[in-house]
Amino acid sequence: MLLLVGIAVSALVFSHGHAQTQPSQAAHRFQPIAPGVYSAIATGTLNVGSNSCVVVNQDDVLIVDSHISPESARVLIRELKSITDKPVRFLVNTHFHFDHANGNQVFTAPVDIIGHEFTRRKLLGDVLAKGTIFAESLAALPNQIEQLKQRAAAEQDAAAKARLDQQVRVQQAYADQVKEVKPTPPSVTLNDHMTLFRGDREIRLIHLGRAHTAGDVVVFLPKERVVCTGDMLVAGISNLSDGYVNEWPDTVEKLRALDFTDVIPGHGEPWKGKEKLDHWQAYLRDIWQQASKLHDQKVPAAEAAKRIDMTAHKNHYPTITAPGVAPIGVVRMYDVMERRAEQN
């Protein structure tokens, strides 16, 4: 299970394997997916939080998701110069979570920030308040940094120690960078869908239903057969803290109906094909069924989190090593079951 505090360091663990198109000290490598379409993936030198998708059009650029801080967004814009000198004209928020939208404030006019109506409402609200996903991640950060320091001090392997030392530096820098965040909502919203035509490129922004949040938007390029999913689909297990796990599999089924080959997920490496949709739907249906049964038995959420056993899915999700899931996801499922989640 992807823990909430893990979002802040996701950039540090999903970088491997593919050839880079810029120097290794850069914060991103731009992996070509289709002509003019790139997945911007963290190299580990900066906490960017999530992937971004970059679409270079005839005269301008569209970016999907603005990263975890204003600094990470600025670095993304600067490093785009390694692949294009065209100006950024559009930013799309796949959802409101801080690791995807905390860089919004950097994208000023004439850039249009586009997102779902729900995403705008959330970012107009007090997303920095105590108890929010962002506030909880910041509260966990000092302990996270201390644990990294302890691991680095105890590590005997020189290469592993160097990696841990880098993670400490990156997270300490992030702790300073995040202080300047000013939540910035989309300036253009959609409810169900919107289509942009930029030269000969068609870009569809689609809300397929509630899933990771109530306002998920996927970006679909029909000619290129590419879809950017945000956290509706990630390379591993998506965070459930604001999800509608009961509706999520049906929303993924609507995603399946789109004619795509390449997937750029919110976290992790891009992939081809639709097999991972099956795995994720099976996981969601299983965890919802188990949580529902325990809820009906009046088992508290914290205890239910210990009892839920998702090891049947470990072949597809190697982070699953034993029974038990993140309590925050079970709390959310209970809230959905008891209709406390309708407004958030």
C-alpha atoms as a PDB file:
ATOM      1  CA  MET A   1       0.000   0.000   0.000  1.00  0.00           C
ATOM      2  CA  LEU A   2       1.314   3.439  -0.914  1.00  0.00           C
ATOM      3  CA  LEU A   3       1.473   5.405   2.316  1.00  0.00           C
ATOM      4  CA  LEU A   4       0.482   9.044   2.346  1.00  0.00           C
ATOM      5  CA  VAL A   5       3.917  10.170   3.429  1.00  0.00           C
ATOM      6  CA  GLY A   6       5.388   8.257   0.523  1.00  0.00           C
ATOM      7  CA  ILE A   7       3.954  10.699  -1.992  1.00  0.00           C
ATOM      8  CA  ALA A   8       6.538  13.306  -1.084  1.00  0.00           C
ATOM      9  CA  VAL A   9       9.448  11.054  -1.983  1.00  0.00           C
ATOM     10  CA  SER A  10       7.983   9.262  -4.968  1.00  0.00           C
ATOM     11  CA  ALA A  11      10.373  11.144  -7.208  1.00  0.00           C
ATOM     12  CA  LEU A  12      13.252   9.390  -5.488  1.00  0.00           C
ATOM     13  CA  VAL A  13      12.203   5.830  -6.175  1.00  0.00           C
ATOM     14  CA  PHE A  14      10.787   5.722  -9.702  1.00  0.00           C
ATOM     15  CA  SER A  15      13.847   6.607 -11.792  1.00  0.00           C
ATOM     16  CA  HIS A  16      15.614   3.825 -13.615  1.00  0.00           C
ATOM     17  CA  GLY A  17      16.408   2.101 -16.812  1.00  0.00           C
ATOM     18  CA  HIS A  18      15.807   4.406 -19.791  1.00  0.00           C
ATOM     19  CA  ALA A  19      18.181   6.591 -21.751  1.00  0.00           C
ATOM     20  CA  GLN A  20      18.201  10.242 -20.745  1.00  0.00           C
ATOM     21  CA  THR A  21      17.919  13.149 -23.150  1.00  0.00           C
ATOM     22  CA  GLN A  22      19.744  15.632 -20.899  1.00  0.00           C
ATOM     23  CA  PRO A  23      22.628  15.575 -18.407  1.00  0.00           C
ATOM     24  CA  SER A  24      22.370  13.323 -15.379  1.00  0.00           C
ATOM     25  CA  GLN A  25      22.345  16.296 -12.979  1.00  0.00           C
ATOM     26  CA  ALA A  26      19.061  17.495 -14.469  1.00  0.00           C
ATOM     27  CA  ALA A  27      15.937  16.972 -12.382  1.00  0.00           C
ATOM     28  CA  HIS A  28      14.013  15.361 -15.245  1.00  0.00           C
ATOM     29  CA  ARG A  29      14.562  13.003 -18.089  1.00  0.00           C
ATOM     30  CA  PHE A  30      12.143  13.513 -20.950  1.00  0.00           C
ATOM     31  CA  GLN A  31      11.205  10.094 -22.254  1.00  0.00           C
ATOM     32  CA  PRO A  32       9.735  10.237 -25.784  1.00  0.00           C
ATOM     33  CA  ILE A  33       6.384   8.445 -26.014  1.00  0.00           C
ATOM     34  CA  ALA A  34       5.102   9.666 -29.396  1.00  0.00           C
ATOM     35  CA  PRO A  35       6.129  12.515 -31.737  1.00  0.00           C
ATOM     36  CA  GLY A  36       6.138  15.629 -29.551  1.00  0.00           C
ATOM     37  CA  VAL A  37       4.888  13.748 -26.472  1.00  0.00           C
ATOM     38  CA  TYR A  38       7.130  13.115 -23.472  1.00  0.00           C
ATOM     39  CA  SER A  39       6.912  11.709 -19.982  1.00  0.00           C
ATOM     40  CA  ALA A  40       8.898  13.954 -17.620  1.00  0.00           C
ATOM     41  CA  ILE A  41      10.253  11.622 -14.933  1.00  0.00           C
ATOM     42  CA  ALA A  42      12.356  12.565 -11.903  1.00  0.00           C
ATOM     43  CA  THR A  43      16.035  11.678 -11.839  1.00  0.00           C
ATOM     44  CA  GLY A  44      16.245  12.035  -8.054  1.00  0.00           C
ATOM     45  CA  THR A  45      18.192  15.308  -7.831  1.00  0.00           C
ATOM     46  CA  LEU A  46      15.036  17.256  -6.896  1.00  0.00           C
ATOM     47  CA  ASN A  47      11.773  16.273  -5.247  1.00  0.00           C
ATOM     48  CA  VAL A  48       9.254  16.779  -8.045  1.00  0.00           C
ATOM     49  CA  GLY A  49       6.621  14.538  -6.451  1.00  0.00           C
ATOM     50  CA  SER A  50       4.894  13.246  -9.560  1.00  0.00           C
ATOM     51  CA  ASN A  51       5.352  12.717 -13.263  1.00  0.00           C
ATOM     52  CA  SER A  52       4.426  15.385 -15.739  1.00  0.00           C
ATOM     53  CA  CYS A  53       3.386  14.830 -19.337  1.00  0.00           C
ATOM     54  CA  VAL A  54       4.734  17.287 -21.899  1.00  0.00           C
ATOM     55  CA  VAL A  55       2.946  17.786 -25.229  1.00  0.00           C
ATOM     56  CA  VAL A  56       4.844  19.911 -27.736  1.00  0.00           C
ATOM     57  CA  ASN A  57       2.393  21.267 -30.290  1.00  0.00           C
ATOM     58  CA  GLN A  58       2.870  23.223 -33.503  1.00  0.00           C
ATOM     59  CA  ASP A  59       3.243  26.585 -31.742  1.00  0.00           C
ATOM     60  CA  ASP A  60       3.103  25.903 -28.016  1.00  0.00           C
ATOM     61  CA  VAL A  61       3.393  23.399 -25.170  1.00  0.00           C
ATOM     62  CA  LEU A  62       0.839  21.751 -22.897  1.00  0.00           C
ATOM     63  CA  ILE A  63       2.003  20.340 -19.553  1.00  0.00           C
ATOM     64  CA  VAL A  64       0.052  17.845 -17.473  1.00  0.00           C
ATOM     65  CA  ASP A  65       0.549  18.440 -13.705  1.00  0.00           C
ATOM     66  CA  SER A  66       2.807  21.043 -12.107  1.00  0.00           C
ATOM     67  CA  HIS A  67       4.712  18.987  -9.507  1.00  0.00           C
ATOM     68  CA  ILE A  68       5.102  19.240  -5.737  1.00  0.00           C
ATOM     69  CA  SER A  69       6.467  22.779  -5.268  1.00  0.00           C
ATOM     70  CA  PRO A  70       6.913  26.067  -7.121  1.00  0.00           C
ATOM     71  CA  GLU A  71      10.639  25.340  -7.400  1.00  0.00           C
ATOM     72  CA  SER A  72      10.073  21.948  -9.020  1.00  0.00           C
ATOM     73  CA  ALA A  73       7.691  23.608 -11.518  1.00  0.00           C
ATOM     74  CA  ARG A  74      10.256  26.300 -12.317  1.00  0.00           C
ATOM     75  CA  VAL A  75      12.906  23.659 -12.903  1.00  0.00           C
ATOM     76  CA  LEU A  76      10.553  21.738 -15.181  1.00  0.00           C
ATOM     77  CA  ILE A  77       9.911  24.835 -17.285  1.00  0.00           C
ATOM     78  CA  ARG A  78      13.628  25.601 -17.444  1.00  0.00           C
ATOM     79  CA  GLU A  79      14.589  22.062 -18.420  1.00  0.00           C
ATOM     80  CA  LEU A  80      11.970  21.997 -21.175  1.00  0.00           C
ATOM     81  CA  LYS A  81      14.491  24.044 -23.141  1.00  0.00           C
ATOM     82  CA  SER A  82      16.379  20.789 -23.729  1.00  0.00           C
ATOM     83  CA  ILE A  83      13.533  19.564 -25.956  1.00  0.00           C
ATOM     84  CA  THR A  84      11.749  22.698 -27.246  1.00  0.00           C
ATOM     85  CA  ASP A  85      11.913  26.489 -27.302  1.00  0.00           C
ATOM     86  CA  LYS A  86       8.142  26.827 -27.703  1.00  0.00           C
ATOM     87  CA  PRO A  87       6.223  28.609 -24.931  1.00  0.00           C
ATOM     88  CA  VAL A  88       4.030  26.833 -22.401  1.00  0.00           C
ATOM     89  CA  ARG A  89       0.412  27.776 -23.144  1.00  0.00           C
ATOM     90  CA  PHE A  90      -1.614  25.256 -21.108  1.00  0.00           C
ATOM     91  CA  LEU A  91      -1.283  23.428 -17.797  1.00  0.00           C
ATOM     92  CA  VAL A  92      -3.727  20.634 -16.969  1.00  0.00           C
ATOM     93  CA  ASN A  93      -4.306  19.482 -13.379  1.00  0.00           C
ATOM     94  CA  THR A  94      -5.300  15.817 -13.295  1.00  0.00           C
ATOM     95  CA  HIS A  95      -6.477  16.353  -9.686  1.00  0.00           C
ATOM     96  CA  PHE A  96      -5.933  18.628  -6.703  1.00  0.00           C
ATOM     97  CA  HIS A  97      -3.315  16.714  -4.694  1.00  0.00           C
ATOM     98  CA  PHE A  98      -0.276  18.729  -3.657  1.00  0.00           C
ATOM     99  CA  ASP A  99       2.274  16.539  -5.419  1.00  0.00           C
ATOM    100  CA  HIS A 100       0.547  17.335  -8.731  1.00  0.00           C
ATOM    101  CA  ALA A 101      -0.645  20.925  -8.216  1.00  0.00           C
ATOM    102  CA  ASN A 102       1.682  22.789  -5.824  1.00  0.00           C
ATOM    103  CA  GLY A 103       3.589  24.239  -8.762  1.00  0.00           C
ATOM    104  CA  ASN A 104       0.498  25.907 -10.247  1.00  0.00           C
ATOM    105  CA  GLN A 105       1.428  29.393  -9.053  1.00  0.00           C
ATOM    106  CA  VAL A 106       4.442  29.439 -11.396  1.00  0.00           C
ATOM    107  CA  PHE A 107       2.215  29.180 -14.489  1.00  0.00           C
ATOM    108  CA  THR A 108       1.064  32.768 -14.972  1.00  0.00           C
ATOM    109  CA  ALA A 109      -0.773  34.453 -17.863  1.00  0.00           C
ATOM    110  CA  PRO A 110      -0.979  33.811 -20.734  1.00  0.00           C
ATOM    111  CA  VAL A 111      -0.907  30.196 -19.492  1.00  0.00           C
ATOM    112  CA  ASP A 112      -4.371  28.721 -18.921  1.00  0.00           C
ATOM    113  CA  ILE A 113      -4.567  26.296 -15.990  1.00  0.00           C
ATOM    114  CA  ILE A 114      -7.281  23.742 -16.751  1.00  0.00           C
ATOM    115  CA  GLY A 115      -8.884  21.308 -14.333  1.00  0.00           C
ATOM    116  CA  HIS A 116     -12.129  19.811 -13.160  1.00  0.00           C
ATOM    117  CA  GLU A 117     -14.645  22.006 -11.332  1.00  0.00           C
ATOM    118  CA  PHE A 118     -14.033  19.897  -8.219  1.00  0.00           C
ATOM    119  CA  THR A 119     -10.289  20.539  -8.426  1.00  0.00           C
ATOM    120  CA  ARG A 120     -10.911  24.285  -8.565  1.00  0.00           C
ATOM    121  CA  ARG A 121     -13.197  24.114  -5.503  1.00  0.00           C
ATOM    122  CA  LYS A 122     -10.603  22.136  -3.551  1.00  0.00           C
ATOM    123  CA  LEU A 123      -7.743  24.479  -4.427  1.00  0.00           C
ATOM    124  CA  LEU A 124      -9.874  27.497  -3.547  1.00  0.00           C
ATOM    125  CA  GLY A 125     -10.433  25.917  -0.131  1.00  0.00           C
ATOM    126  CA  ASP A 126      -7.982  25.604   2.735  1.00  0.00           C
ATOM    127  CA  VAL A 127      -5.870  22.774   1.364  1.00  0.00           C
ATOM    128  CA  LEU A 128      -3.041  23.804   3.702  1.00  0.00           C
ATOM    129  CA  ALA A 129      -5.143  23.346   6.842  1.00  0.00           C
ATOM    130  CA  LYS A 130      -4.372  20.796   9.534  1.00  0.00           C
ATOM    131  CA  GLY A 131      -5.679  17.369   8.630  1.00  0.00           C
ATOM    132  CA  THR A 132      -5.388  17.814   4.863  1.00  0.00           C
ATOM    133  CA  ILE A 133      -3.243  15.493   2.782  1.00  0.00           C
ATOM    134  CA  PHE A 134      -0.674  18.274   2.300  1.00  0.00           C
ATOM    135  CA  ALA A 135      -0.489  19.218   5.984  1.00  0.00           C
ATOM    136  CA  GLU A 136      -0.086  15.589   7.004  1.00  0.00           C
ATOM    137  CA  SER A 137       2.748  15.115   4.536  1.00  0.00           C
ATOM    138  CA  LEU A 138       4.562  18.153   5.940  1.00  0.00           C
ATOM    139  CA  ALA A 139       4.051  16.982   9.506  1.00  0.00           C
ATOM    140  CA  ALA A 140       5.683  13.676   8.612  1.00  0.00           C
ATOM    141  CA  LEU A 141       8.626  15.287   6.794  1.00  0.00           C
ATOM    142  CA  PRO A 142      10.986  15.966   9.752  1.00  0.00           C
ATOM    143  CA  ASN A 143      10.759  12.382  10.945  1.00  0.00           C
ATOM    144  CA  GLN A 144      11.188  11.153   7.390  1.00  0.00           C
ATOM    145  CA  ILE A 145      14.397  13.183   7.019  1.00  0.00           C
ATOM    146  CA  GLU A 146      15.698  11.946  10.363  1.00  0.00           C
ATOM    147  CA  GLN A 147      15.080   8.333   9.382  1.00  0.00           C
ATOM    148  CA  LEU A 148      16.947   8.874   6.120  1.00  0.00           C
ATOM    149  CA  LYS A 149      19.877  10.353   8.067  1.00  0.00           C
ATOM    150  CA  GLN A 150      19.964   7.367  10.396  1.00  0.00           C
ATOM    151  CA  ARG A 151      19.878   4.938   7.510  1.00  0.00           C
ATOM    152  CA  ALA A 152      22.661   6.830   5.755  1.00  0.00           C
ATOM    153  CA  ALA A 153      24.803   6.833   8.903  1.00  0.00           C
ATOM    154  CA  ALA A 154      24.358   3.094   9.362  1.00  0.00           C
ATOM    155  CA  GLU A 155      24.872   2.141   5.713  1.00  0.00           C
ATOM    156  CA  GLN A 156      28.164   0.346   4.996  1.00  0.00           C
ATOM    157  CA  ASP A 157      27.879   0.148   1.201  1.00  0.00           C
ATOM    158  CA  ALA A 158      29.374   3.293  -0.307  1.00  0.00           C
ATOM    159  CA  ALA A 159      26.980   3.494  -3.273  1.00  0.00           C
ATOM    160  CA  ALA A 160      23.907   2.945  -1.114  1.00  0.00           C
ATOM    161  CA  LYS A 161      25.159   5.512   1.397  1.00  0.00           C
ATOM    162  CA  ALA A 162      25.624   8.056  -1.393  1.00  0.00           C
ATOM    163  CA  ARG A 163      22.059   7.497  -2.571  1.00  0.00           C
ATOM    164  CA  LEU A 164      20.699   7.963   0.949  1.00  0.00           C
ATOM    165  CA  ASP A 165      22.791  11.089   1.470  1.00  0.00           C
ATOM    166  CA  GLN A 166      21.335  12.496  -1.741  1.00  0.00           C
ATOM    167  CA  GLN A 167      17.807  11.738  -0.564  1.00  0.00           C
ATOM    168  CA  VAL A 168      18.525  13.621   2.670  1.00  0.00           C
ATOM    169  CA  ARG A 169      19.722  16.652   0.714  1.00  0.00           C
ATOM    170  CA  VAL A 170      16.746  16.520  -1.628  1.00  0.00           C
ATOM    171  CA  GLN A 171      14.219  16.291   1.201  1.00  0.00           C
ATOM    172  CA  GLN A 172      15.887  19.040   3.211  1.00  0.00           C
ATOM    173  CA  ALA A 173      15.753  21.289   0.154  1.00  0.00           C
ATOM    174  CA  TYR A 174      12.093  20.382  -0.361  1.00  0.00           C
ATOM    175  CA  ALA A 175      11.293  21.368   3.233  1.00  0.00           C
ATOM    176  CA  ASP A 176      12.498  24.882   2.377  1.00  0.00           C
ATOM    177  CA  GLN A 177      11.025  25.027  -1.130  1.00  0.00           C
ATOM    178  CA  VAL A 178       7.518  24.135  -0.007  1.00  0.00           C
ATOM    179  CA  LYS A 179       7.292  27.178   2.277  1.00  0.00           C
ATOM    180  CA  GLU A 180       6.450  29.427  -0.681  1.00  0.00           C
ATOM    181  CA  VAL A 181       3.424  27.410  -1.847  1.00  0.00           C
ATOM    182  CA  LYS A 182       0.310  29.465  -2.589  1.00  0.00           C
ATOM    183  CA  PRO A 183      -2.514  27.136  -3.688  1.00  0.00           C
ATOM    184  CA  THR A 184      -3.570  28.241  -7.167  1.00  0.00           C
ATOM    185  CA  PRO A 185      -6.772  26.847  -8.695  1.00  0.00           C
ATOM    186  CA  PRO A 186      -7.484  26.206 -12.372  1.00  0.00           C
ATOM    187  CA  SER A 187      -8.577  29.301 -14.254  1.00  0.00           C
ATOM    188  CA  VAL A 188     -10.520  27.199 -16.784  1.00  0.00           C
ATOM    189  CA  THR A 189     -12.709  24.290 -15.687  1.00  0.00           C
ATOM    190  CA  LEU A 190     -14.553  21.379 -17.207  1.00  0.00           C
ATOM    191  CA  ASN A 191     -17.251  19.082 -15.921  1.00  0.00           C
ATOM    192  CA  ASP A 192     -17.270  16.157 -18.355  1.00  0.00           C
ATOM    193  CA  HIS A 193     -14.915  16.913 -21.241  1.00  0.00           C
ATOM    194  CA  MET A 194     -13.066  19.551 -23.217  1.00  0.00           C
ATOM    195  CA  THR A 195     -11.110  19.339 -26.469  1.00  0.00           C
ATOM    196  CA  LEU A 196      -8.161  21.492 -27.493  1.00  0.00           C
ATOM    197  CA  PHE A 197      -6.980  21.709 -31.104  1.00  0.00           C
ATOM    198  CA  ARG A 198      -3.398  22.926 -31.415  1.00  0.00           C
ATOM    199  CA  GLY A 199      -2.273  22.845 -35.032  1.00  0.00           C
ATOM    200  CA  ASP A 200      -2.889  19.294 -36.215  1.00  0.00           C
ATOM    201  CA  ARG A 201      -2.995  17.871 -32.678  1.00  0.00           C
ATOM    202  CA  GLU A 202      -6.231  16.971 -30.879  1.00  0.00           C
ATOM    203  CA  ILE A 203      -6.062  16.917 -27.078  1.00  0.00           C
ATOM    204  CA  ARG A 204      -9.053  15.578 -25.165  1.00  0.00           C
ATOM    205  CA  LEU A 205      -9.498  16.313 -21.450  1.00  0.00           C
ATOM    206  CA  ILE A 206     -12.004  13.854 -19.992  1.00  0.00           C
ATOM    207  CA  HIS A 207     -13.620  13.283 -16.610  1.00  0.00           C
ATOM    208  CA  LEU A 208     -14.646   9.620 -16.693  1.00  0.00           C
ATOM    209  CA  GLY A 209     -16.029   9.433 -13.157  1.00  0.00           C
ATOM    210  CA  ARG A 210     -14.910   9.442  -9.545  1.00  0.00           C
ATOM    211  CA  ALA A 211     -11.780   7.426  -8.838  1.00  0.00           C
ATOM    212  CA  HIS A 212      -8.619   8.728  -7.109  1.00  0.00           C
ATOM    213  CA  THR A 213     -10.602  11.893  -6.311  1.00  0.00           C
ATOM    214  CA  ALA A 214     -13.998  13.256  -7.280  1.00  0.00           C
ATOM    215  CA  GLY A 215     -12.415  15.367 -10.022  1.00  0.00           C
ATOM    216  CA  ASP A 216      -9.958  13.179 -11.899  1.00  0.00           C
ATOM    217  CA  VAL A 217      -9.150  14.307 -15.439  1.00  0.00           C
ATOM    218  CA  VAL A 218      -7.312  12.171 -17.998  1.00  0.00           C
ATOM    219  CA  VAL A 219      -5.573  13.675 -21.012  1.00  0.00           C
ATOM    220  CA  PHE A 220      -6.095  11.625 -24.170  1.00  0.00           C
ATOM    221  CA  LEU A 221      -4.315  12.106 -27.485  1.00  0.00           C
ATOM    222  CA  PRO A 222      -6.378  10.069 -29.957  1.00  0.00           C
ATOM    223  CA  LYS A 223      -4.056  10.293 -32.965  1.00  0.00           C
ATOM    224  CA  GLU A 224      -1.000   9.364 -30.904  1.00  0.00           C
ATOM    225  CA  ARG A 225      -2.997   6.831 -28.826  1.00  0.00           C
ATOM    226  CA  VAL A 226      -1.505   8.161 -25.581  1.00  0.00           C
ATOM    227  CA  VAL A 227      -3.300   8.724 -22.281  1.00  0.00           C
ATOM    228  CA  CYS A 228      -2.027  10.612 -19.216  1.00  0.00           C
ATOM    229  CA  THR A 229      -3.918   9.227 -16.228  1.00  0.00           C
ATOM    230  CA  GLY A 230      -2.745  11.148 -13.183  1.00  0.00           C
ATOM    231  CA  ASP A 231      -3.161   8.914 -10.145  1.00  0.00           C
ATOM    232  CA  MET A 232      -6.182   7.065 -11.486  1.00  0.00           C
ATOM    233  CA  LEU A 233      -3.477   4.656 -12.648  1.00  0.00           C
ATOM    234  CA  VAL A 234       0.090   4.573 -11.341  1.00  0.00           C
ATOM    235  CA  ALA A 235       2.912   2.090 -11.748  1.00  0.00           C
ATOM    236  CA  GLY A 236       2.200   0.670  -8.284  1.00  0.00           C
ATOM    237  CA  ILE A 237      -0.616   1.102  -5.771  1.00  0.00           C
ATOM    238  CA  SER A 238      -2.324   4.467  -5.817  1.00  0.00           C
ATOM    239  CA  ASN A 239      -3.042   6.404  -2.646  1.00  0.00           C
ATOM    240  CA  LEU A 240      -6.669   5.831  -1.558  1.00  0.00           C
ATOM    241  CA  SER A 241      -7.015   8.727   0.903  1.00  0.00           C
ATOM    242  CA  ASP A 242      -9.465  10.740  -1.240  1.00  0.00           C
ATOM    243  CA  GLY A 243     -10.680   7.919  -3.437  1.00  0.00           C
ATOM    244  CA  TYR A 244     -14.025   6.390  -4.262  1.00  0.00           C
ATOM    245  CA  VAL A 245     -12.833   2.792  -4.237  1.00  0.00           C
ATOM    246  CA  ASN A 246     -16.345   1.463  -4.913  1.00  0.00           C
ATOM    247  CA  GLU A 247     -16.624   3.527  -8.134  1.00  0.00           C
ATOM    248  CA  TRP A 248     -12.993   3.420  -9.216  1.00  0.00           C
ATOM    249  CA  PRO A 249     -13.116   0.078 -11.100  1.00  0.00           C
ATOM    250  CA  ASP A 250     -16.047   1.289 -13.217  1.00  0.00           C
ATOM    251  CA  THR A 251     -14.199   4.514 -14.005  1.00  0.00           C
ATOM    252  CA  VAL A 252     -11.156   2.483 -15.086  1.00  0.00           C
ATOM    253  CA  GLU A 253     -13.481   0.450 -17.320  1.00  0.00           C
ATOM    254  CA  LYS A 254     -14.479   3.688 -19.066  1.00  0.00           C
ATOM    255  CA  LEU A 255     -10.803   4.483 -19.464  1.00  0.00           C
ATOM    256  CA  ARG A 256     -10.306   1.078 -21.079  1.00  0.00           C
ATOM    257  CA  ALA A 257     -12.803   2.050 -23.793  1.00  0.00           C
ATOM    258  CA  LEU A 258     -10.441   4.769 -25.062  1.00  0.00           C
ATOM    259  CA  ASP A 259      -8.244   3.702 -27.969  1.00  0.00           C
ATOM    260  CA  PHE A 260      -4.799   4.081 -26.406  1.00  0.00           C
ATOM    261  CA  THR A 261      -1.557   2.134 -26.506  1.00  0.00           C
ATOM    262  CA  ASP A 262       0.744   4.176 -24.254  1.00  0.00           C
ATOM    263  CA  VAL A 263       0.046   5.142 -20.638  1.00  0.00           C
ATOM    264  CA  ILE A 264       1.828   7.969 -18.823  1.00  0.00           C
ATOM    265  CA  PRO A 265       0.873   7.408 -15.167  1.00  0.00           C
ATOM    266  CA  GLY A 266       0.947   9.911 -12.316  1.00  0.00           C
ATOM    267  CA  HIS A 267       3.873   8.043 -10.740  1.00  0.00           C
ATOM    268  CA  GLY A 268       6.321   5.564 -12.193  1.00  0.00           C
ATOM    269  CA  GLU A 269       7.465   4.520 -15.635  1.00  0.00           C
ATOM    270  CA  PRO A 270       5.194   4.696 -18.702  1.00  0.00           C
ATOM    271  CA  TRP A 271       3.924   1.433 -20.162  1.00  0.00           C
ATOM    272  CA  LYS A 272       2.074   0.015 -23.132  1.00  0.00           C
ATOM    273  CA  GLY A 273      -1.209  -1.869 -23.194  1.00  0.00           C
ATOM    274  CA  LYS A 274      -4.207  -2.341 -20.920  1.00  0.00           C
ATOM    275  CA  GLU A 275      -3.206  -5.347 -18.817  1.00  0.00           C
ATOM    276  CA  LYS A 276      -2.412  -3.193 -15.771  1.00  0.00           C
ATOM    277  CA  LEU A 277      -6.022  -1.987 -15.788  1.00  0.00           C
ATOM    278  CA  ASP A 278      -7.118  -5.553 -15.004  1.00  0.00           C
ATOM    279  CA  HIS A 279      -4.677  -5.800 -12.101  1.00  0.00           C
ATOM    280  CA  TRP A 280      -5.779  -2.499 -10.593  1.00  0.00           C
ATOM    281  CA  GLN A 281      -9.485  -3.228 -10.922  1.00  0.00           C
ATOM    282  CA  ALA A 282      -8.971  -6.602  -9.216  1.00  0.00           C
ATOM    283  CA  TYR A 283      -7.064  -4.955  -6.380  1.00  0.00           C
ATOM    284  CA  LEU A 284      -9.713  -2.280  -5.847  1.00  0.00           C
ATOM    285  CA  ARG A 285     -12.606  -4.731  -5.868  1.00  0.00           C
ATOM    286  CA  ASP A 286     -10.826  -7.012  -3.416  1.00  0.00           C
ATOM    287  CA  ILE A 287      -9.893  -4.313  -0.905  1.00  0.00           C
ATOM    288  CA  TRP A 288     -13.404  -2.822  -1.064  1.00  0.00           C
ATOM    289  CA  GLN A 289     -15.005  -6.229  -0.485  1.00  0.00           C
ATOM    290  CA  GLN A 290     -12.759  -6.999   2.490  1.00  0.00           C
ATOM    291  CA  ALA A 291     -13.223  -3.531   3.994  1.00  0.00           C
ATOM    292  CA  SER A 292     -17.005  -3.723   3.514  1.00  0.00           C
ATOM    293  CA  LYS A 293     -17.204  -7.058   5.321  1.00  0.00           C
ATOM    294  CA  LEU A 294     -15.168  -5.746   8.263  1.00  0.00           C
ATOM    295  CA  HIS A 295     -17.227  -2.553   8.335  1.00  0.00           C
ATOM    296  CA  ASP A 296     -20.414  -4.584   8.524  1.00  0.00           C
ATOM    297  CA  GLN A 297     -18.880  -6.491  11.426  1.00  0.00           C
ATOM    298  CA  LYS A 298     -18.286  -3.157  13.224  1.00  0.00           C
ATOM    299  CA  VAL A 299     -14.516  -3.615  13.161  1.00  0.00           C
ATOM    300  CA  PRO A 300     -12.791  -0.219  13.685  1.00  0.00           C
ATOM    301  CA  ALA A 301     -10.890   1.100  10.685  1.00  0.00           C
ATOM    302  CA  ALA A 302      -7.488   0.860  12.377  1.00  0.00           C
ATOM    303  CA  GLU A 303      -8.034  -2.793  13.233  1.00  0.00           C
ATOM    304  CA  ALA A 304      -9.519  -3.513   9.819  1.00  0.00           C
ATOM    305  CA  ALA A 305      -6.371  -2.119   8.194  1.00  0.00           C
ATOM    306  CA  LYS A 306      -4.339  -4.778  10.017  1.00  0.00           C
ATOM    307  CA  ARG A 307      -6.675  -7.597   8.958  1.00  0.00           C
ATOM    308  CA  ILE A 308      -7.097  -6.800   5.273  1.00  0.00           C
ATOM    309  CA  ASP A 309      -4.955  -9.225   3.312  1.00  0.00           C
ATOM    310  CA  MET A 310      -3.940  -8.166  -0.201  1.00  0.00           C
ATOM    311  CA  THR A 311      -1.112 -10.684  -0.615  1.00  0.00           C
ATOM    312  CA  ALA A 312      -3.054 -12.384  -3.424  1.00  0.00           C
ATOM    313  CA  HIS A 313      -2.004  -9.382  -5.552  1.00  0.00           C
ATOM    314  CA  LYS A 314       1.711  -9.388  -4.695  1.00  0.00           C
ATOM    315  CA  ASN A 315       2.735 -10.744  -8.105  1.00  0.00           C
ATOM    316  CA  HIS A 316       1.511  -7.502  -9.652  1.00  0.00           C
ATOM    317  CA  TYR A 317       2.395  -5.248  -6.702  1.00  0.00           C
ATOM    318  CA  PRO A 318       5.738  -6.349  -5.204  1.00  0.00           C
ATOM    319  CA  THR A 319       5.506  -3.842  -2.339  1.00  0.00           C
ATOM    320  CA  ILE A 320       2.889  -6.140  -0.793  1.00  0.00           C
ATOM    321  CA  THR A 321       4.841  -8.481   1.468  1.00  0.00           C
ATOM    322  CA  ALA A 322       2.363  -9.283   4.260  1.00  0.00           C
ATOM    323  CA  PRO A 323      -1.248  -8.727   5.326  1.00  0.00           C
ATOM    324  CA  GLY A 324      -2.188  -5.200   6.327  1.00  0.00           C
ATOM    325  CA  VAL A 325      -2.821  -1.966   4.425  1.00  0.00           C
ATOM    326  CA  ALA A 326      -2.464   1.755   5.117  1.00  0.00           C
ATOM    327  CA  PRO A 327      -5.090   2.817   7.692  1.00  0.00           C
ATOM    328  CA  ILE A 328      -5.783   6.091   5.868  1.00  0.00           C
ATOM    329  CA  GLY A 329      -7.246   4.161   2.948  1.00  0.00           C
ATOM    330  CA  VAL A 330      -9.543   2.153   5.198  1.00  0.00           C
ATOM    331  CA  VAL A 331     -10.696   5.294   7.000  1.00  0.00           C
ATOM    332  CA  ARG A 332     -11.591   6.749   3.628  1.00  0.00           C
ATOM    333  CA  MET A 333     -13.493   3.648   2.537  1.00  0.00           C
ATOM    334  CA  TYR A 334     -15.448   3.715   5.787  1.00  0.00           C
ATOM    335  CA  ASP A 335     -16.245   7.394   5.176  1.00  0.00           C
ATOM    336  CA  VAL A 336     -17.555   6.530   1.710  1.00  0.00           C
ATOM    337  CA  MET A 337     -19.633   3.656   3.093  1.00  0.00           C
ATOM    338  CA  GLU A 338     -21.132   5.934   5.741  1.00  0.00           C
ATOM    339  CA  ARG A 339     -21.686   8.817   3.285  1.00  0.00           C
ATOM    340  CA  ARG A 340     -19.283  11.170   5.053  1.00  0.00           C
ATOM    341  CA  ALA A 341     -17.157  11.618   1.944  1.00  0.00           C
ATOM    342  CA  GLU A 342     -19.670  13.286  -0.361  1.00  0.00           C
ATOM    343  CA  GLN A 343     -18.312  16.802   0.088  1.00  0.00           C
ATOM    344  CA  ASN A 344     -14.629  15.958  -0.123  1.00  0.00           C
END
